[in-house]
mmCIF file of all heavy atoms, coordinates in Angstrom:
data_MODEL
# 
_entry.id   MODEL 
# 
loop_
_atom_site.group_PDB 
_atom_site.id 
_atom_site.type_symbol 
_atom_site.label_atom_id 
_atom_site.label_alt_id 
_atom_site.label_comp_id 
_atom_site.label_asym_id 
_atom_site.label_entity_id 
_atom_site.label_seq_id 
_atom_site.pdbx_PDB_ins_code 
_atom_site.Cartn_x 
_atom_site.Cartn_y 
_atom_site.Cartn_z 
_atom_site.occupancy 
_atom_site.B_iso_or_equiv 
_atom_site.pdbx_formal_charge 
_atom_site.auth_seq_id 
_atom_site.auth_comp_id 
_atom_site.auth_asym_id 
_atom_site.auth_atom_id 
_atom_site.pdbx_PDB_model_num 
ATOM 1   N N   . VAL A 1 1  ? -25.308 55.139 -46.322 1.00 0.00 ? 1  VAL A N   1 
ATOM 2   C CA  . VAL A 1 1  ? -25.387 53.677 -46.215 1.00 0.00 ? 1  VAL A CA  1 
ATOM 3   C C   . VAL A 1 1  ? -24.521 53.183 -45.061 1.00 0.00 ? 1  VAL A C   1 
ATOM 4   O O   . VAL A 1 1  ? -24.942 52.335 -44.267 1.00 0.00 ? 1  VAL A O   1 
ATOM 5   C CB  . VAL A 1 1  ? -24.936 53.015 -47.537 1.00 0.00 ? 1  VAL A CB  1 
ATOM 6   C CG1 . VAL A 1 1  ? -24.833 51.497 -47.366 1.00 0.00 ? 1  VAL A CG1 1 
ATOM 7   C CG2 . VAL A 1 1  ? -25.911 53.346 -48.652 1.00 0.00 ? 1  VAL A CG2 1 
ATOM 8   N N   . LEU A 1 2  ? -23.311 53.727 -44.956 1.00 0.00 ? 2  LEU A N   1 
ATOM 9   C CA  . LEU A 1 2  ? -22.402 53.313 -43.883 1.00 0.00 ? 2  LEU A CA  1 
ATOM 10  C C   . LEU A 1 2  ? -22.988 53.655 -42.519 1.00 0.00 ? 2  LEU A C   1 
ATOM 11  O O   . LEU A 1 2  ? -22.935 52.840 -41.585 1.00 0.00 ? 2  LEU A O   1 
ATOM 12  C CB  . LEU A 1 2  ? -21.044 53.987 -44.069 1.00 0.00 ? 2  LEU A CB  1 
ATOM 13  C CG  . LEU A 1 2  ? -19.955 53.606 -43.058 1.00 0.00 ? 2  LEU A CG  1 
ATOM 14  C CD1 . LEU A 1 2  ? -19.659 52.110 -43.114 1.00 0.00 ? 2  LEU A CD1 1 
ATOM 15  C CD2 . LEU A 1 2  ? -18.682 54.407 -43.319 1.00 0.00 ? 2  LEU A CD2 1 
ATOM 16  N N   . LEU A 1 3  ? -23.580 54.829 -42.384 1.00 0.00 ? 3  LEU A N   1 
ATOM 17  C CA  . LEU A 1 3  ? -24.164 55.248 -41.106 1.00 0.00 ? 3  LEU A CA  1 
ATOM 18  C C   . LEU A 1 3  ? -25.348 54.377 -40.709 1.00 0.00 ? 3  LEU A C   1 
ATOM 19  O O   . LEU A 1 3  ? -25.569 54.113 -39.524 1.00 0.00 ? 3  LEU A O   1 
ATOM 20  C CB  . LEU A 1 3  ? -24.594 56.717 -41.187 1.00 0.00 ? 3  LEU A CB  1 
ATOM 21  C CG  . LEU A 1 3  ? -23.464 57.754 -41.086 1.00 0.00 ? 3  LEU A CG  1 
ATOM 22  C CD1 . LEU A 1 3  ? -23.983 59.141 -41.419 1.00 0.00 ? 3  LEU A CD1 1 
ATOM 23  C CD2 . LEU A 1 3  ? -22.844 57.733 -39.696 1.00 0.00 ? 3  LEU A CD2 1 
ATOM 24  N N   . ARG A 1 4  ? -26.112 53.920 -41.702 1.00 0.00 ? 4  ARG A N   1 
ATOM 25  C CA  . ARG A 1 4  ? -27.260 53.061 -41.401 1.00 0.00 ? 4  ARG A CA  1 
ATOM 26  C C   . ARG A 1 4  ? -26.819 51.665 -40.972 1.00 0.00 ? 4  ARG A C   1 
ATOM 27  O O   . ARG A 1 4  ? -27.539 50.972 -40.258 1.00 0.00 ? 4  ARG A O   1 
ATOM 28  C CB  . ARG A 1 4  ? -28.185 52.945 -42.619 1.00 0.00 ? 4  ARG A CB  1 
ATOM 29  C CG  . ARG A 1 4  ? -28.994 54.174 -42.922 1.00 0.00 ? 4  ARG A CG  1 
ATOM 30  C CD  . ARG A 1 4  ? -30.157 53.832 -43.845 1.00 0.00 ? 4  ARG A CD  1 
ATOM 31  N NE  . ARG A 1 4  ? -29.709 53.234 -45.097 1.00 0.00 ? 4  ARG A NE  1 
ATOM 32  C CZ  . ARG A 1 4  ? -29.425 53.938 -46.194 1.00 0.00 ? 4  ARG A CZ  1 
ATOM 33  N NH1 . ARG A 1 4  ? -29.544 55.270 -46.173 1.00 0.00 ? 4  ARG A NH1 1 
ATOM 34  N NH2 . ARG A 1 4  ? -29.042 53.325 -47.297 1.00 0.00 ? 4  ARG A NH2 1 
ATOM 35  N N   . THR A 1 5  ? -25.628 51.256 -41.407 1.00 0.00 ? 5  THR A N   1 
ATOM 36  C CA  . THR A 1 5  ? -25.187 49.883 -41.203 1.00 0.00 ? 5  THR A CA  1 
ATOM 37  C C   . THR A 1 5  ? -24.312 49.705 -39.969 1.00 0.00 ? 5  THR A C   1 
ATOM 38  O O   . THR A 1 5  ? -24.371 48.670 -39.303 1.00 0.00 ? 5  THR A O   1 
ATOM 39  C CB  . THR A 1 5  ? -24.409 49.390 -42.448 1.00 0.00 ? 5  THR A CB  1 
ATOM 40  O OG1 . THR A 1 5  ? -25.151 49.706 -43.630 1.00 0.00 ? 5  THR A OG1 1 
ATOM 41  C CG2 . THR A 1 5  ? -24.186 47.883 -42.393 1.00 0.00 ? 5  THR A CG2 1 
ATOM 42  N N   . VAL A 1 6  ? -23.485 50.682 -39.662 1.00 0.00 ? 6  VAL A N   1 
ATOM 43  C CA  . VAL A 1 6  ? -22.507 50.530 -38.587 1.00 0.00 ? 6  VAL A CA  1 
ATOM 44  C C   . VAL A 1 6  ? -23.184 50.552 -37.212 1.00 0.00 ? 6  VAL A C   1 
ATOM 45  O O   . VAL A 1 6  ? -24.226 51.198 -37.028 1.00 0.00 ? 6  VAL A O   1 
ATOM 46  C CB  . VAL A 1 6  ? -21.441 51.659 -38.670 1.00 0.00 ? 6  VAL A CB  1 
ATOM 47  C CG1 . VAL A 1 6  ? -22.068 53.013 -38.325 1.00 0.00 ? 6  VAL A CG1 1 
ATOM 48  C CG2 . VAL A 1 6  ? -20.274 51.367 -37.746 1.00 0.00 ? 6  VAL A CG2 1 
ATOM 49  N N   . GLU A 1 7  ? -22.603 49.807 -36.273 1.00 0.00 ? 7  GLU A N   1 
ATOM 50  C CA  . GLU A 1 7  ? -23.098 49.834 -34.900 1.00 0.00 ? 7  GLU A CA  1 
ATOM 51  C C   . GLU A 1 7  ? -22.787 51.195 -34.292 1.00 0.00 ? 7  GLU A C   1 
ATOM 52  O O   . GLU A 1 7  ? -21.663 51.692 -34.404 1.00 0.00 ? 7  GLU A O   1 
ATOM 53  C CB  . GLU A 1 7  ? -22.427 48.745 -34.063 1.00 0.00 ? 7  GLU A CB  1 
ATOM 54  C CG  . GLU A 1 7  ? -22.753 47.330 -34.514 1.00 0.00 ? 7  GLU A CG  1 
ATOM 55  C CD  . GLU A 1 7  ? -22.012 46.290 -33.696 1.00 0.00 ? 7  GLU A CD  1 
ATOM 56  O OE1 . GLU A 1 7  ? -21.604 46.619 -32.559 1.00 0.00 ? 7  GLU A OE1 1 
ATOM 57  O OE2 . GLU A 1 7  ? -21.828 45.169 -34.189 1.00 0.00 ? 7  GLU A OE2 1 
ATOM 58  N N   . LYS A 1 8  ? -23.775 51.805 -33.639 1.00 0.00 ? 8  LYS A N   1 
ATOM 59  C CA  . LYS A 1 8  ? -23.612 53.173 -33.119 1.00 0.00 ? 8  LYS A CA  1 
ATOM 60  C C   . LYS A 1 8  ? -22.498 53.245 -32.078 1.00 0.00 ? 8  LYS A C   1 
ATOM 61  O O   . LYS A 1 8  ? -21.762 54.234 -32.000 1.00 0.00 ? 8  LYS A O   1 
ATOM 62  C CB  . LYS A 1 8  ? -24.940 53.654 -32.511 1.00 0.00 ? 8  LYS A CB  1 
ATOM 63  C CG  . LYS A 1 8  ? -26.063 53.737 -33.525 1.00 0.00 ? 8  LYS A CG  1 
ATOM 64  C CD  . LYS A 1 8  ? -25.706 54.715 -34.646 1.00 0.00 ? 8  LYS A CD  1 
ATOM 65  C CE  . LYS A 1 8  ? -26.822 54.821 -35.681 1.00 0.00 ? 8  LYS A CE  1 
ATOM 66  N NZ  . LYS A 1 8  ? -26.686 53.837 -36.751 1.00 0.00 ? 8  LYS A NZ  1 
ATOM 67  N N   . GLU A 1 9  ? -22.353 52.184 -31.267 1.00 0.00 ? 9  GLU A N   1 
ATOM 68  C CA  . GLU A 1 9  ? -21.297 52.191 -30.256 1.00 0.00 ? 9  GLU A CA  1 
ATOM 69  C C   . GLU A 1 9  ? -19.911 52.199 -30.905 1.00 0.00 ? 9  GLU A C   1 
ATOM 70  O O   . GLU A 1 9  ? -19.017 52.948 -30.492 1.00 0.00 ? 9  GLU A O   1 
ATOM 71  C CB  . GLU A 1 9  ? -21.445 50.968 -29.351 1.00 0.00 ? 9  GLU A CB  1 
ATOM 72  C CG  . GLU A 1 9  ? -20.424 50.919 -28.216 1.00 0.00 ? 9  GLU A CG  1 
ATOM 73  C CD  . GLU A 1 9  ? -20.581 49.684 -27.353 1.00 0.00 ? 9  GLU A CD  1 
ATOM 74  O OE1 . GLU A 1 9  ? -21.597 48.969 -27.513 1.00 0.00 ? 9  GLU A OE1 1 
ATOM 75  O OE2 . GLU A 1 9  ? -19.691 49.428 -26.518 1.00 0.00 ? 9  GLU A OE2 1 
ATOM 76  N N   . LYS A 1 10 ? -19.748 51.388 -31.949 1.00 0.00 ? 10 LYS A N   1 
ATOM 77  C CA  . LYS A 1 10 ? -18.465 51.342 -32.662 1.00 0.00 ? 10 LYS A CA  1 
ATOM 78  C C   . LYS A 1 10 ? -18.178 52.677 -33.338 1.00 0.00 ? 10 LYS A C   1 
ATOM 79  O O   . LYS A 1 10 ? -17.026 53.130 -33.401 1.00 0.00 ? 10 LYS A O   1 
ATOM 80  C CB  . LYS A 1 10 ? -18.482 50.223 -33.713 1.00 0.00 ? 10 LYS A CB  1 
ATOM 81  C CG  . LYS A 1 10 ? -18.062 48.868 -33.175 1.00 0.00 ? 10 LYS A CG  1 
ATOM 82  C CD  . LYS A 1 10 ? -17.768 47.924 -34.322 1.00 0.00 ? 10 LYS A CD  1 
ATOM 83  C CE  . LYS A 1 10 ? -17.174 46.606 -33.821 1.00 0.00 ? 10 LYS A CE  1 
ATOM 84  N NZ  . LYS A 1 10 ? -18.114 45.847 -32.997 1.00 0.00 ? 10 LYS A NZ  1 
ATOM 85  N N   . LEU A 1 11 ? -19.225 53.312 -33.881 1.00 0.00 ? 11 LEU A N   1 
ATOM 86  C CA  . LEU A 1 11 ? -19.050 54.591 -34.557 1.00 0.00 ? 11 LEU A CA  1 
ATOM 87  C C   . LEU A 1 11 ? -18.500 55.642 -33.600 1.00 0.00 ? 11 LEU A C   1 
ATOM 88  O O   . LEU A 1 11 ? -17.564 56.378 -33.927 1.00 0.00 ? 11 LEU A O   1 
ATOM 89  C CB  . LEU A 1 11 ? -20.384 55.052 -35.149 1.00 0.00 ? 11 LEU A CB  1 
ATOM 90  C CG  . LEU A 1 11 ? -20.397 56.432 -35.816 1.00 0.00 ? 11 LEU A CG  1 
ATOM 91  C CD1 . LEU A 1 11 ? -19.420 56.469 -36.989 1.00 0.00 ? 11 LEU A CD1 1 
ATOM 92  C CD2 . LEU A 1 11 ? -21.804 56.788 -36.285 1.00 0.00 ? 11 LEU A CD2 1 
ATOM 93  N N   . ALA A 1 12 ? -19.057 55.709 -32.409 1.00 0.00 ? 12 ALA A N   1 
ATOM 94  C CA  . ALA A 1 12 ? -18.599 56.687 -31.423 1.00 0.00 ? 12 ALA A CA  1 
ATOM 95  C C   . ALA A 1 12 ? -17.147 56.447 -31.032 1.00 0.00 ? 12 ALA A C   1 
ATOM 96  O O   . ALA A 1 12 ? -16.340 57.385 -30.966 1.00 0.00 ? 12 ALA A O   1 
ATOM 97  C CB  . ALA A 1 12 ? -19.497 56.643 -30.188 1.00 0.00 ? 12 ALA A CB  1 
ATOM 98  N N   . ILE A 1 13 ? -16.796 55.190 -30.795 1.00 0.00 ? 13 ILE A N   1 
ATOM 99  C CA  . ILE A 1 13 ? -15.412 54.872 -30.394 1.00 0.00 ? 13 ILE A CA  1 
ATOM 100 C C   . ILE A 1 13 ? -14.452 55.175 -31.542 1.00 0.00 ? 13 ILE A C   1 
ATOM 101 O O   . ILE A 1 13 ? -13.361 55.727 -31.327 1.00 0.00 ? 13 ILE A O   1 
ATOM 102 C CB  . ILE A 1 13 ? -15.303 53.394 -29.976 1.00 0.00 ? 13 ILE A CB  1 
ATOM 103 C CG1 . ILE A 1 13 ? -16.156 53.129 -28.746 1.00 0.00 ? 13 ILE A CG1 1 
ATOM 104 C CG2 . ILE A 1 13 ? -13.851 53.016 -29.696 1.00 0.00 ? 13 ILE A CG2 1 
ATOM 105 C CD1 . ILE A 1 13 ? -16.242 51.660 -28.350 1.00 0.00 ? 13 ILE A CD1 1 
ATOM 106 N N   . ALA A 1 14 ? -14.839 54.829 -32.769 1.00 0.00 ? 14 ALA A N   1 
ATOM 107 C CA  . ALA A 1 14 ? -13.968 55.067 -33.921 1.00 0.00 ? 14 ALA A CA  1 
ATOM 108 C C   . ALA A 1 14 ? -13.733 56.559 -34.133 1.00 0.00 ? 14 ALA A C   1 
ATOM 109 O O   . ALA A 1 14 ? -12.605 56.993 -34.396 1.00 0.00 ? 14 ALA A O   1 
ATOM 110 C CB  . ALA A 1 14 ? -14.578 54.446 -35.172 1.00 0.00 ? 14 ALA A CB  1 
ATOM 111 N N   . LEU A 1 15 ? -14.799 57.364 -34.022 1.00 0.00 ? 15 LEU A N   1 
ATOM 112 C CA  . LEU A 1 15 ? -14.660 58.802 -34.244 1.00 0.00 ? 15 LEU A CA  1 
ATOM 113 C C   . LEU A 1 15 ? -13.938 59.505 -33.097 1.00 0.00 ? 15 LEU A C   1 
ATOM 114 O O   . LEU A 1 15 ? -13.479 60.637 -33.255 1.00 0.00 ? 15 LEU A O   1 
ATOM 115 C CB  . LEU A 1 15 ? -16.038 59.440 -34.456 1.00 0.00 ? 15 LEU A CB  1 
ATOM 116 C CG  . LEU A 1 15 ? -16.748 59.075 -35.761 1.00 0.00 ? 15 LEU A CG  1 
ATOM 117 C CD1 . LEU A 1 15 ? -18.073 59.810 -35.870 1.00 0.00 ? 15 LEU A CD1 1 
ATOM 118 C CD2 . LEU A 1 15 ? -15.868 59.379 -36.971 1.00 0.00 ? 15 LEU A CD2 1 
ATOM 119 N N   . LYS A 1 16 ? -13.820 58.824 -31.967 1.00 0.00 ? 16 LYS A N   1 
ATOM 120 C CA  . LYS A 1 16 ? -13.081 59.386 -30.840 1.00 0.00 ? 16 LYS A CA  1 
ATOM 121 C C   . LYS A 1 16 ? -11.644 59.720 -31.250 1.00 0.00 ? 16 LYS A C   1 
ATOM 122 O O   . LYS A 1 16 ? -11.076 60.726 -30.812 1.00 0.00 ? 16 LYS A O   1 
ATOM 123 C CB  . LYS A 1 16 ? -13.070 58.378 -29.681 1.00 0.00 ? 16 LYS A CB  1 
ATOM 124 C CG  . LYS A 1 16 ? -12.297 58.829 -28.440 1.00 0.00 ? 16 LYS A CG  1 
ATOM 125 C CD  . LYS A 1 16 ? -13.090 59.796 -27.612 1.00 0.00 ? 16 LYS A CD  1 
ATOM 126 C CE  . LYS A 1 16 ? -12.366 60.140 -26.318 1.00 0.00 ? 16 LYS A CE  1 
ATOM 127 N NZ  . LYS A 1 16 ? -13.117 61.105 -25.496 1.00 0.00 ? 16 LYS A NZ  1 
ATOM 128 N N   . GLY A 1 17 ? -11.073 58.874 -32.131 1.00 0.00 ? 17 GLY A N   1 
ATOM 129 C CA  . GLY A 1 17 ? -9.696  59.108 -32.561 1.00 0.00 ? 17 GLY A CA  1 
ATOM 130 C C   . GLY A 1 17 ? -9.591  59.620 -33.979 1.00 0.00 ? 17 GLY A C   1 
ATOM 131 O O   . GLY A 1 17 ? -8.504  59.554 -34.574 1.00 0.00 ? 17 GLY A O   1 
ATOM 132 N N   . ALA A 1 18 ? -10.677 60.107 -34.557 1.00 0.00 ? 18 ALA A N   1 
ATOM 133 C CA  . ALA A 1 18 ? -10.657 60.573 -35.939 1.00 0.00 ? 18 ALA A CA  1 
ATOM 134 C C   . ALA A 1 18 ? -10.237 62.031 -36.026 1.00 0.00 ? 18 ALA A C   1 
ATOM 135 O O   . ALA A 1 18 ? -10.314 62.779 -35.050 1.00 0.00 ? 18 ALA A O   1 
ATOM 136 C CB  . ALA A 1 18 ? -12.042 60.394 -36.574 1.00 0.00 ? 18 ALA A CB  1 
ATOM 137 N N   . SER A 1 19 ? -9.817  62.426 -37.205 1.00 0.00 ? 19 SER A N   1 
ATOM 138 C CA  . SER A 1 19 ? -9.470  63.830 -37.439 1.00 0.00 ? 19 SER A CA  1 
ATOM 139 C C   . SER A 1 19 ? -10.738 64.679 -37.429 1.00 0.00 ? 19 SER A C   1 
ATOM 140 O O   . SER A 1 19 ? -11.846 64.164 -37.626 1.00 0.00 ? 19 SER A O   1 
ATOM 141 C CB  . SER A 1 19 ? -8.758  63.975 -38.784 1.00 0.00 ? 19 SER A CB  1 
ATOM 142 O OG  . SER A 1 19 ? -9.654  63.668 -39.845 1.00 0.00 ? 19 SER A OG  1 
ATOM 143 N N   . GLU A 1 20 ? -10.572 65.971 -37.209 1.00 0.00 ? 20 GLU A N   1 
ATOM 144 C CA  . GLU A 1 20 ? -11.727 66.877 -37.190 1.00 0.00 ? 20 GLU A CA  1 
ATOM 145 C C   . GLU A 1 20 ? -12.442 66.874 -38.539 1.00 0.00 ? 20 GLU A C   1 
ATOM 146 O O   . GLU A 1 20 ? -13.671 66.919 -38.602 1.00 0.00 ? 20 GLU A O   1 
ATOM 147 C CB  . GLU A 1 20 ? -11.285 68.295 -36.829 1.00 0.00 ? 20 GLU A CB  1 
ATOM 148 C CG  . GLU A 1 20 ? -10.881 68.470 -35.377 1.00 0.00 ? 20 GLU A CG  1 
ATOM 149 C CD  . GLU A 1 20 ? -12.035 68.197 -34.420 1.00 0.00 ? 20 GLU A CD  1 
ATOM 150 O OE1 . GLU A 1 20 ? -13.194 68.515 -34.780 1.00 0.00 ? 20 GLU A OE1 1 
ATOM 151 O OE2 . GLU A 1 20 ? -11.780 67.640 -33.334 1.00 0.00 ? 20 GLU A OE2 1 
ATOM 152 N N   . ASN A 1 21 ? -11.671 66.819 -39.635 1.00 0.00 ? 21 ASN A N   1 
ATOM 153 C CA  . ASN A 1 21 ? -12.285 66.831 -40.975 1.00 0.00 ? 21 ASN A CA  1 
ATOM 154 C C   . ASN A 1 21 ? -13.192 65.630 -41.178 1.00 0.00 ? 21 ASN A C   1 
ATOM 155 O O   . ASN A 1 21 ? -14.299 65.741 -41.717 1.00 0.00 ? 21 ASN A O   1 
ATOM 156 C CB  . ASN A 1 21 ? -11.188 66.837 -42.051 1.00 0.00 ? 21 ASN A CB  1 
ATOM 157 C CG  . ASN A 1 21 ? -10.500 68.182 -42.153 1.00 0.00 ? 21 ASN A CG  1 
ATOM 158 O OD1 . ASN A 1 21 ? -11.052 69.188 -41.730 1.00 0.00 ? 21 ASN A OD1 1 
ATOM 159 N ND2 . ASN A 1 21 ? -9.285  68.192 -42.710 1.00 0.00 ? 21 ASN A ND2 1 
ATOM 160 N N   . LEU A 1 22 ? -12.711 64.459 -40.757 1.00 0.00 ? 22 LEU A N   1 
ATOM 161 C CA  . LEU A 1 22 ? -13.526 63.254 -40.930 1.00 0.00 ? 22 LEU A CA  1 
ATOM 162 C C   . LEU A 1 22 ? -14.748 63.289 -40.021 1.00 0.00 ? 22 LEU A C   1 
ATOM 163 O O   . LEU A 1 22 ? -15.863 62.937 -40.435 1.00 0.00 ? 22 LEU A O   1 
ATOM 164 C CB  . LEU A 1 22 ? -12.695 62.003 -40.641 1.00 0.00 ? 22 LEU A CB  1 
ATOM 165 C CG  . LEU A 1 22 ? -13.418 60.659 -40.850 1.00 0.00 ? 22 LEU A CG  1 
ATOM 166 C CD1 . LEU A 1 22 ? -13.986 60.550 -42.265 1.00 0.00 ? 22 LEU A CD1 1 
ATOM 167 C CD2 . LEU A 1 22 ? -12.485 59.489 -40.566 1.00 0.00 ? 22 LEU A CD2 1 
ATOM 168 N N   . ARG A 1 23 ? -14.559 63.740 -38.785 1.00 0.00 ? 23 ARG A N   1 
ATOM 169 C CA  . ARG A 1 23 ? -15.712 63.863 -37.874 1.00 0.00 ? 23 ARG A CA  1 
ATOM 170 C C   . ARG A 1 23 ? -16.770 64.768 -38.489 1.00 0.00 ? 23 ARG A C   1 
ATOM 171 O O   . ARG A 1 23 ? -17.960 64.438 -38.499 1.00 0.00 ? 23 ARG A O   1 
ATOM 172 C CB  . ARG A 1 23 ? -15.270 64.453 -36.536 1.00 0.00 ? 23 ARG A CB  1 
ATOM 173 C CG  . ARG A 1 23 ? -14.600 63.479 -35.595 1.00 0.00 ? 23 ARG A CG  1 
ATOM 174 C CD  . ARG A 1 23 ? -14.565 64.107 -34.222 1.00 0.00 ? 23 ARG A CD  1 
ATOM 175 N NE  . ARG A 1 23 ? -13.663 63.413 -33.323 1.00 0.00 ? 23 ARG A NE  1 
ATOM 176 C CZ  . ARG A 1 23 ? -13.508 63.722 -32.047 1.00 0.00 ? 23 ARG A CZ  1 
ATOM 177 N NH1 . ARG A 1 23 ? -14.200 64.722 -31.525 1.00 0.00 ? 23 ARG A NH1 1 
ATOM 178 N NH2 . ARG A 1 23 ? -12.681 63.045 -31.278 1.00 0.00 ? 23 ARG A NH2 1 
ATOM 179 N N   . ASP A 1 24 ? -16.322 65.922 -38.999 1.00 0.00 ? 24 ASP A N   1 
ATOM 180 C CA  . ASP A 1 24 ? -17.272 66.884 -39.569 1.00 0.00 ? 24 ASP A CA  1 
ATOM 181 C C   . ASP A 1 24 ? -18.037 66.277 -40.736 1.00 0.00 ? 24 ASP A C   1 
ATOM 182 O O   . ASP A 1 24 ? -19.235 66.544 -40.911 1.00 0.00 ? 24 ASP A O   1 
ATOM 183 C CB  . ASP A 1 24 ? -16.530 68.141 -40.038 1.00 0.00 ? 24 ASP A CB  1 
ATOM 184 C CG  . ASP A 1 24 ? -16.035 68.987 -38.870 1.00 0.00 ? 24 ASP A CG  1 
ATOM 185 O OD1 . ASP A 1 24 ? -16.529 68.782 -37.747 1.00 0.00 ? 24 ASP A OD1 1 
ATOM 186 O OD2 . ASP A 1 24 ? -15.140 69.834 -39.077 1.00 0.00 ? 24 ASP A OD2 1 
ATOM 187 N N   . GLN A 1 25 ? -17.350 65.448 -41.536 1.00 0.00 ? 25 GLN A N   1 
ATOM 188 C CA  . GLN A 1 25 ? -18.032 64.845 -42.680 1.00 0.00 ? 25 GLN A CA  1 
ATOM 189 C C   . GLN A 1 25 ? -19.128 63.886 -42.210 1.00 0.00 ? 25 GLN A C   1 
ATOM 190 O O   . GLN A 1 25 ? -20.207 63.835 -42.799 1.00 0.00 ? 25 GLN A O   1 
ATOM 191 C CB  . GLN A 1 25 ? -17.037 64.107 -43.572 1.00 0.00 ? 25 GLN A CB  1 
ATOM 192 C CG  . GLN A 1 25 ? -17.686 63.533 -44.823 1.00 0.00 ? 25 GLN A CG  1 
ATOM 193 C CD  . GLN A 1 25 ? -16.701 63.316 -45.939 1.00 0.00 ? 25 GLN A CD  1 
ATOM 194 O OE1 . GLN A 1 25 ? -15.601 63.852 -45.918 1.00 0.00 ? 25 GLN A OE1 1 
ATOM 195 N NE2 . GLN A 1 25 ? -17.086 62.530 -46.921 1.00 0.00 ? 25 GLN A NE2 1 
ATOM 196 N N   . PHE A 1 26 ? -18.855 63.153 -41.143 1.00 0.00 ? 26 PHE A N   1 
ATOM 197 C CA  . PHE A 1 26 ? -19.886 62.263 -40.590 1.00 0.00 ? 26 PHE A CA  1 
ATOM 198 C C   . PHE A 1 26 ? -21.056 63.082 -40.046 1.00 0.00 ? 26 PHE A C   1 
ATOM 199 O O   . PHE A 1 26 ? -22.221 62.764 -40.287 1.00 0.00 ? 26 PHE A O   1 
ATOM 200 C CB  . PHE A 1 26 ? -19.290 61.390 -39.491 1.00 0.00 ? 26 PHE A CB  1 
ATOM 201 C CG  . PHE A 1 26 ? -18.697 60.101 -39.993 1.00 0.00 ? 26 PHE A CG  1 
ATOM 202 C CD1 . PHE A 1 26 ? -17.350 60.014 -40.287 1.00 0.00 ? 26 PHE A CD1 1 
ATOM 203 C CD2 . PHE A 1 26 ? -19.492 58.977 -40.177 1.00 0.00 ? 26 PHE A CD2 1 
ATOM 204 C CE1 . PHE A 1 26 ? -16.797 58.828 -40.755 1.00 0.00 ? 26 PHE A CE1 1 
ATOM 205 C CE2 . PHE A 1 26 ? -18.955 57.782 -40.646 1.00 0.00 ? 26 PHE A CE2 1 
ATOM 206 C CZ  . PHE A 1 26 ? -17.602 57.718 -40.937 1.00 0.00 ? 26 PHE A CZ  1 
ATOM 207 N N   . PHE A 1 27 ? -20.737 64.152 -39.295 1.00 0.00 ? 27 PHE A N   1 
ATOM 208 C CA  . PHE A 1 27 ? -21.796 64.969 -38.701 1.00 0.00 ? 27 PHE A CA  1 
ATOM 209 C C   . PHE A 1 27 ? -22.671 65.621 -39.777 1.00 0.00 ? 27 PHE A C   1 
ATOM 210 O O   . PHE A 1 27 ? -23.895 65.725 -39.631 1.00 0.00 ? 27 PHE A O   1 
ATOM 211 C CB  . PHE A 1 27 ? -21.195 66.050 -37.801 1.00 0.00 ? 27 PHE A CB  1 
ATOM 212 C CG  . PHE A 1 27 ? -20.512 65.497 -36.571 1.00 0.00 ? 27 PHE A CG  1 
ATOM 213 C CD1 . PHE A 1 27 ? -19.353 66.096 -36.072 1.00 0.00 ? 27 PHE A CD1 1 
ATOM 214 C CD2 . PHE A 1 27 ? -21.011 64.390 -35.918 1.00 0.00 ? 27 PHE A CD2 1 
ATOM 215 C CE1 . PHE A 1 27 ? -18.728 65.589 -34.940 1.00 0.00 ? 27 PHE A CE1 1 
ATOM 216 C CE2 . PHE A 1 27 ? -20.391 63.874 -34.791 1.00 0.00 ? 27 PHE A CE2 1 
ATOM 217 C CZ  . PHE A 1 27 ? -19.241 64.478 -34.307 1.00 0.00 ? 27 PHE A CZ  1 
ATOM 218 N N   . LYS A 1 28 ? -22.045 66.057 -40.888 1.00 0.00 ? 28 LYS A N   1 
ATOM 219 C CA  . LYS A 1 28 ? -22.797 66.705 -41.967 1.00 0.00 ? 28 LYS A CA  1 
ATOM 220 C C   . LYS A 1 28 ? -23.752 65.736 -42.650 1.00 0.00 ? 28 LYS A C   1 
ATOM 221 O O   . LYS A 1 28 ? -24.737 66.164 -43.268 1.00 0.00 ? 28 LYS A O   1 
ATOM 222 C CB  . LYS A 1 28 ? -21.833 67.290 -43.004 1.00 0.00 ? 28 LYS A CB  1 
ATOM 223 C CG  . LYS A 1 28 ? -21.090 68.520 -42.522 1.00 0.00 ? 28 LYS A CG  1 
ATOM 224 C CD  . LYS A 1 28 ? -20.085 68.992 -43.568 1.00 0.00 ? 28 LYS A CD  1 
ATOM 225 C CE  . LYS A 1 28 ? -19.281 70.181 -43.058 1.00 0.00 ? 28 LYS A CE  1 
ATOM 226 N NZ  . LYS A 1 28 ? -18.235 70.597 -44.026 1.00 0.00 ? 28 LYS A NZ  1 
ATOM 227 N N   . SER A 1 29 ? -23.447 64.442 -42.572 1.00 0.00 ? 29 SER A N   1 
ATOM 228 C CA  . SER A 1 29 ? -24.290 63.436 -43.217 1.00 0.00 ? 29 SER A CA  1 
ATOM 229 C C   . SER A 1 29 ? -25.430 62.985 -42.314 1.00 0.00 ? 29 SER A C   1 
ATOM 230 O O   . SER A 1 29 ? -26.213 62.111 -42.698 1.00 0.00 ? 29 SER A O   1 
ATOM 231 C CB  . SER A 1 29 ? -23.442 62.211 -43.606 1.00 0.00 ? 29 SER A CB  1 
ATOM 232 O OG  . SER A 1 29 ? -22.404 62.576 -44.491 1.00 0.00 ? 29 SER A OG  1 
# 
């Protein structure tokens, strides 16, 4: 649901500073 709703540009910028674990969880979804 979050991935469908968030702006793709904001998602990329936010994950730029995210931990590897959190990035991986987004990628797996």
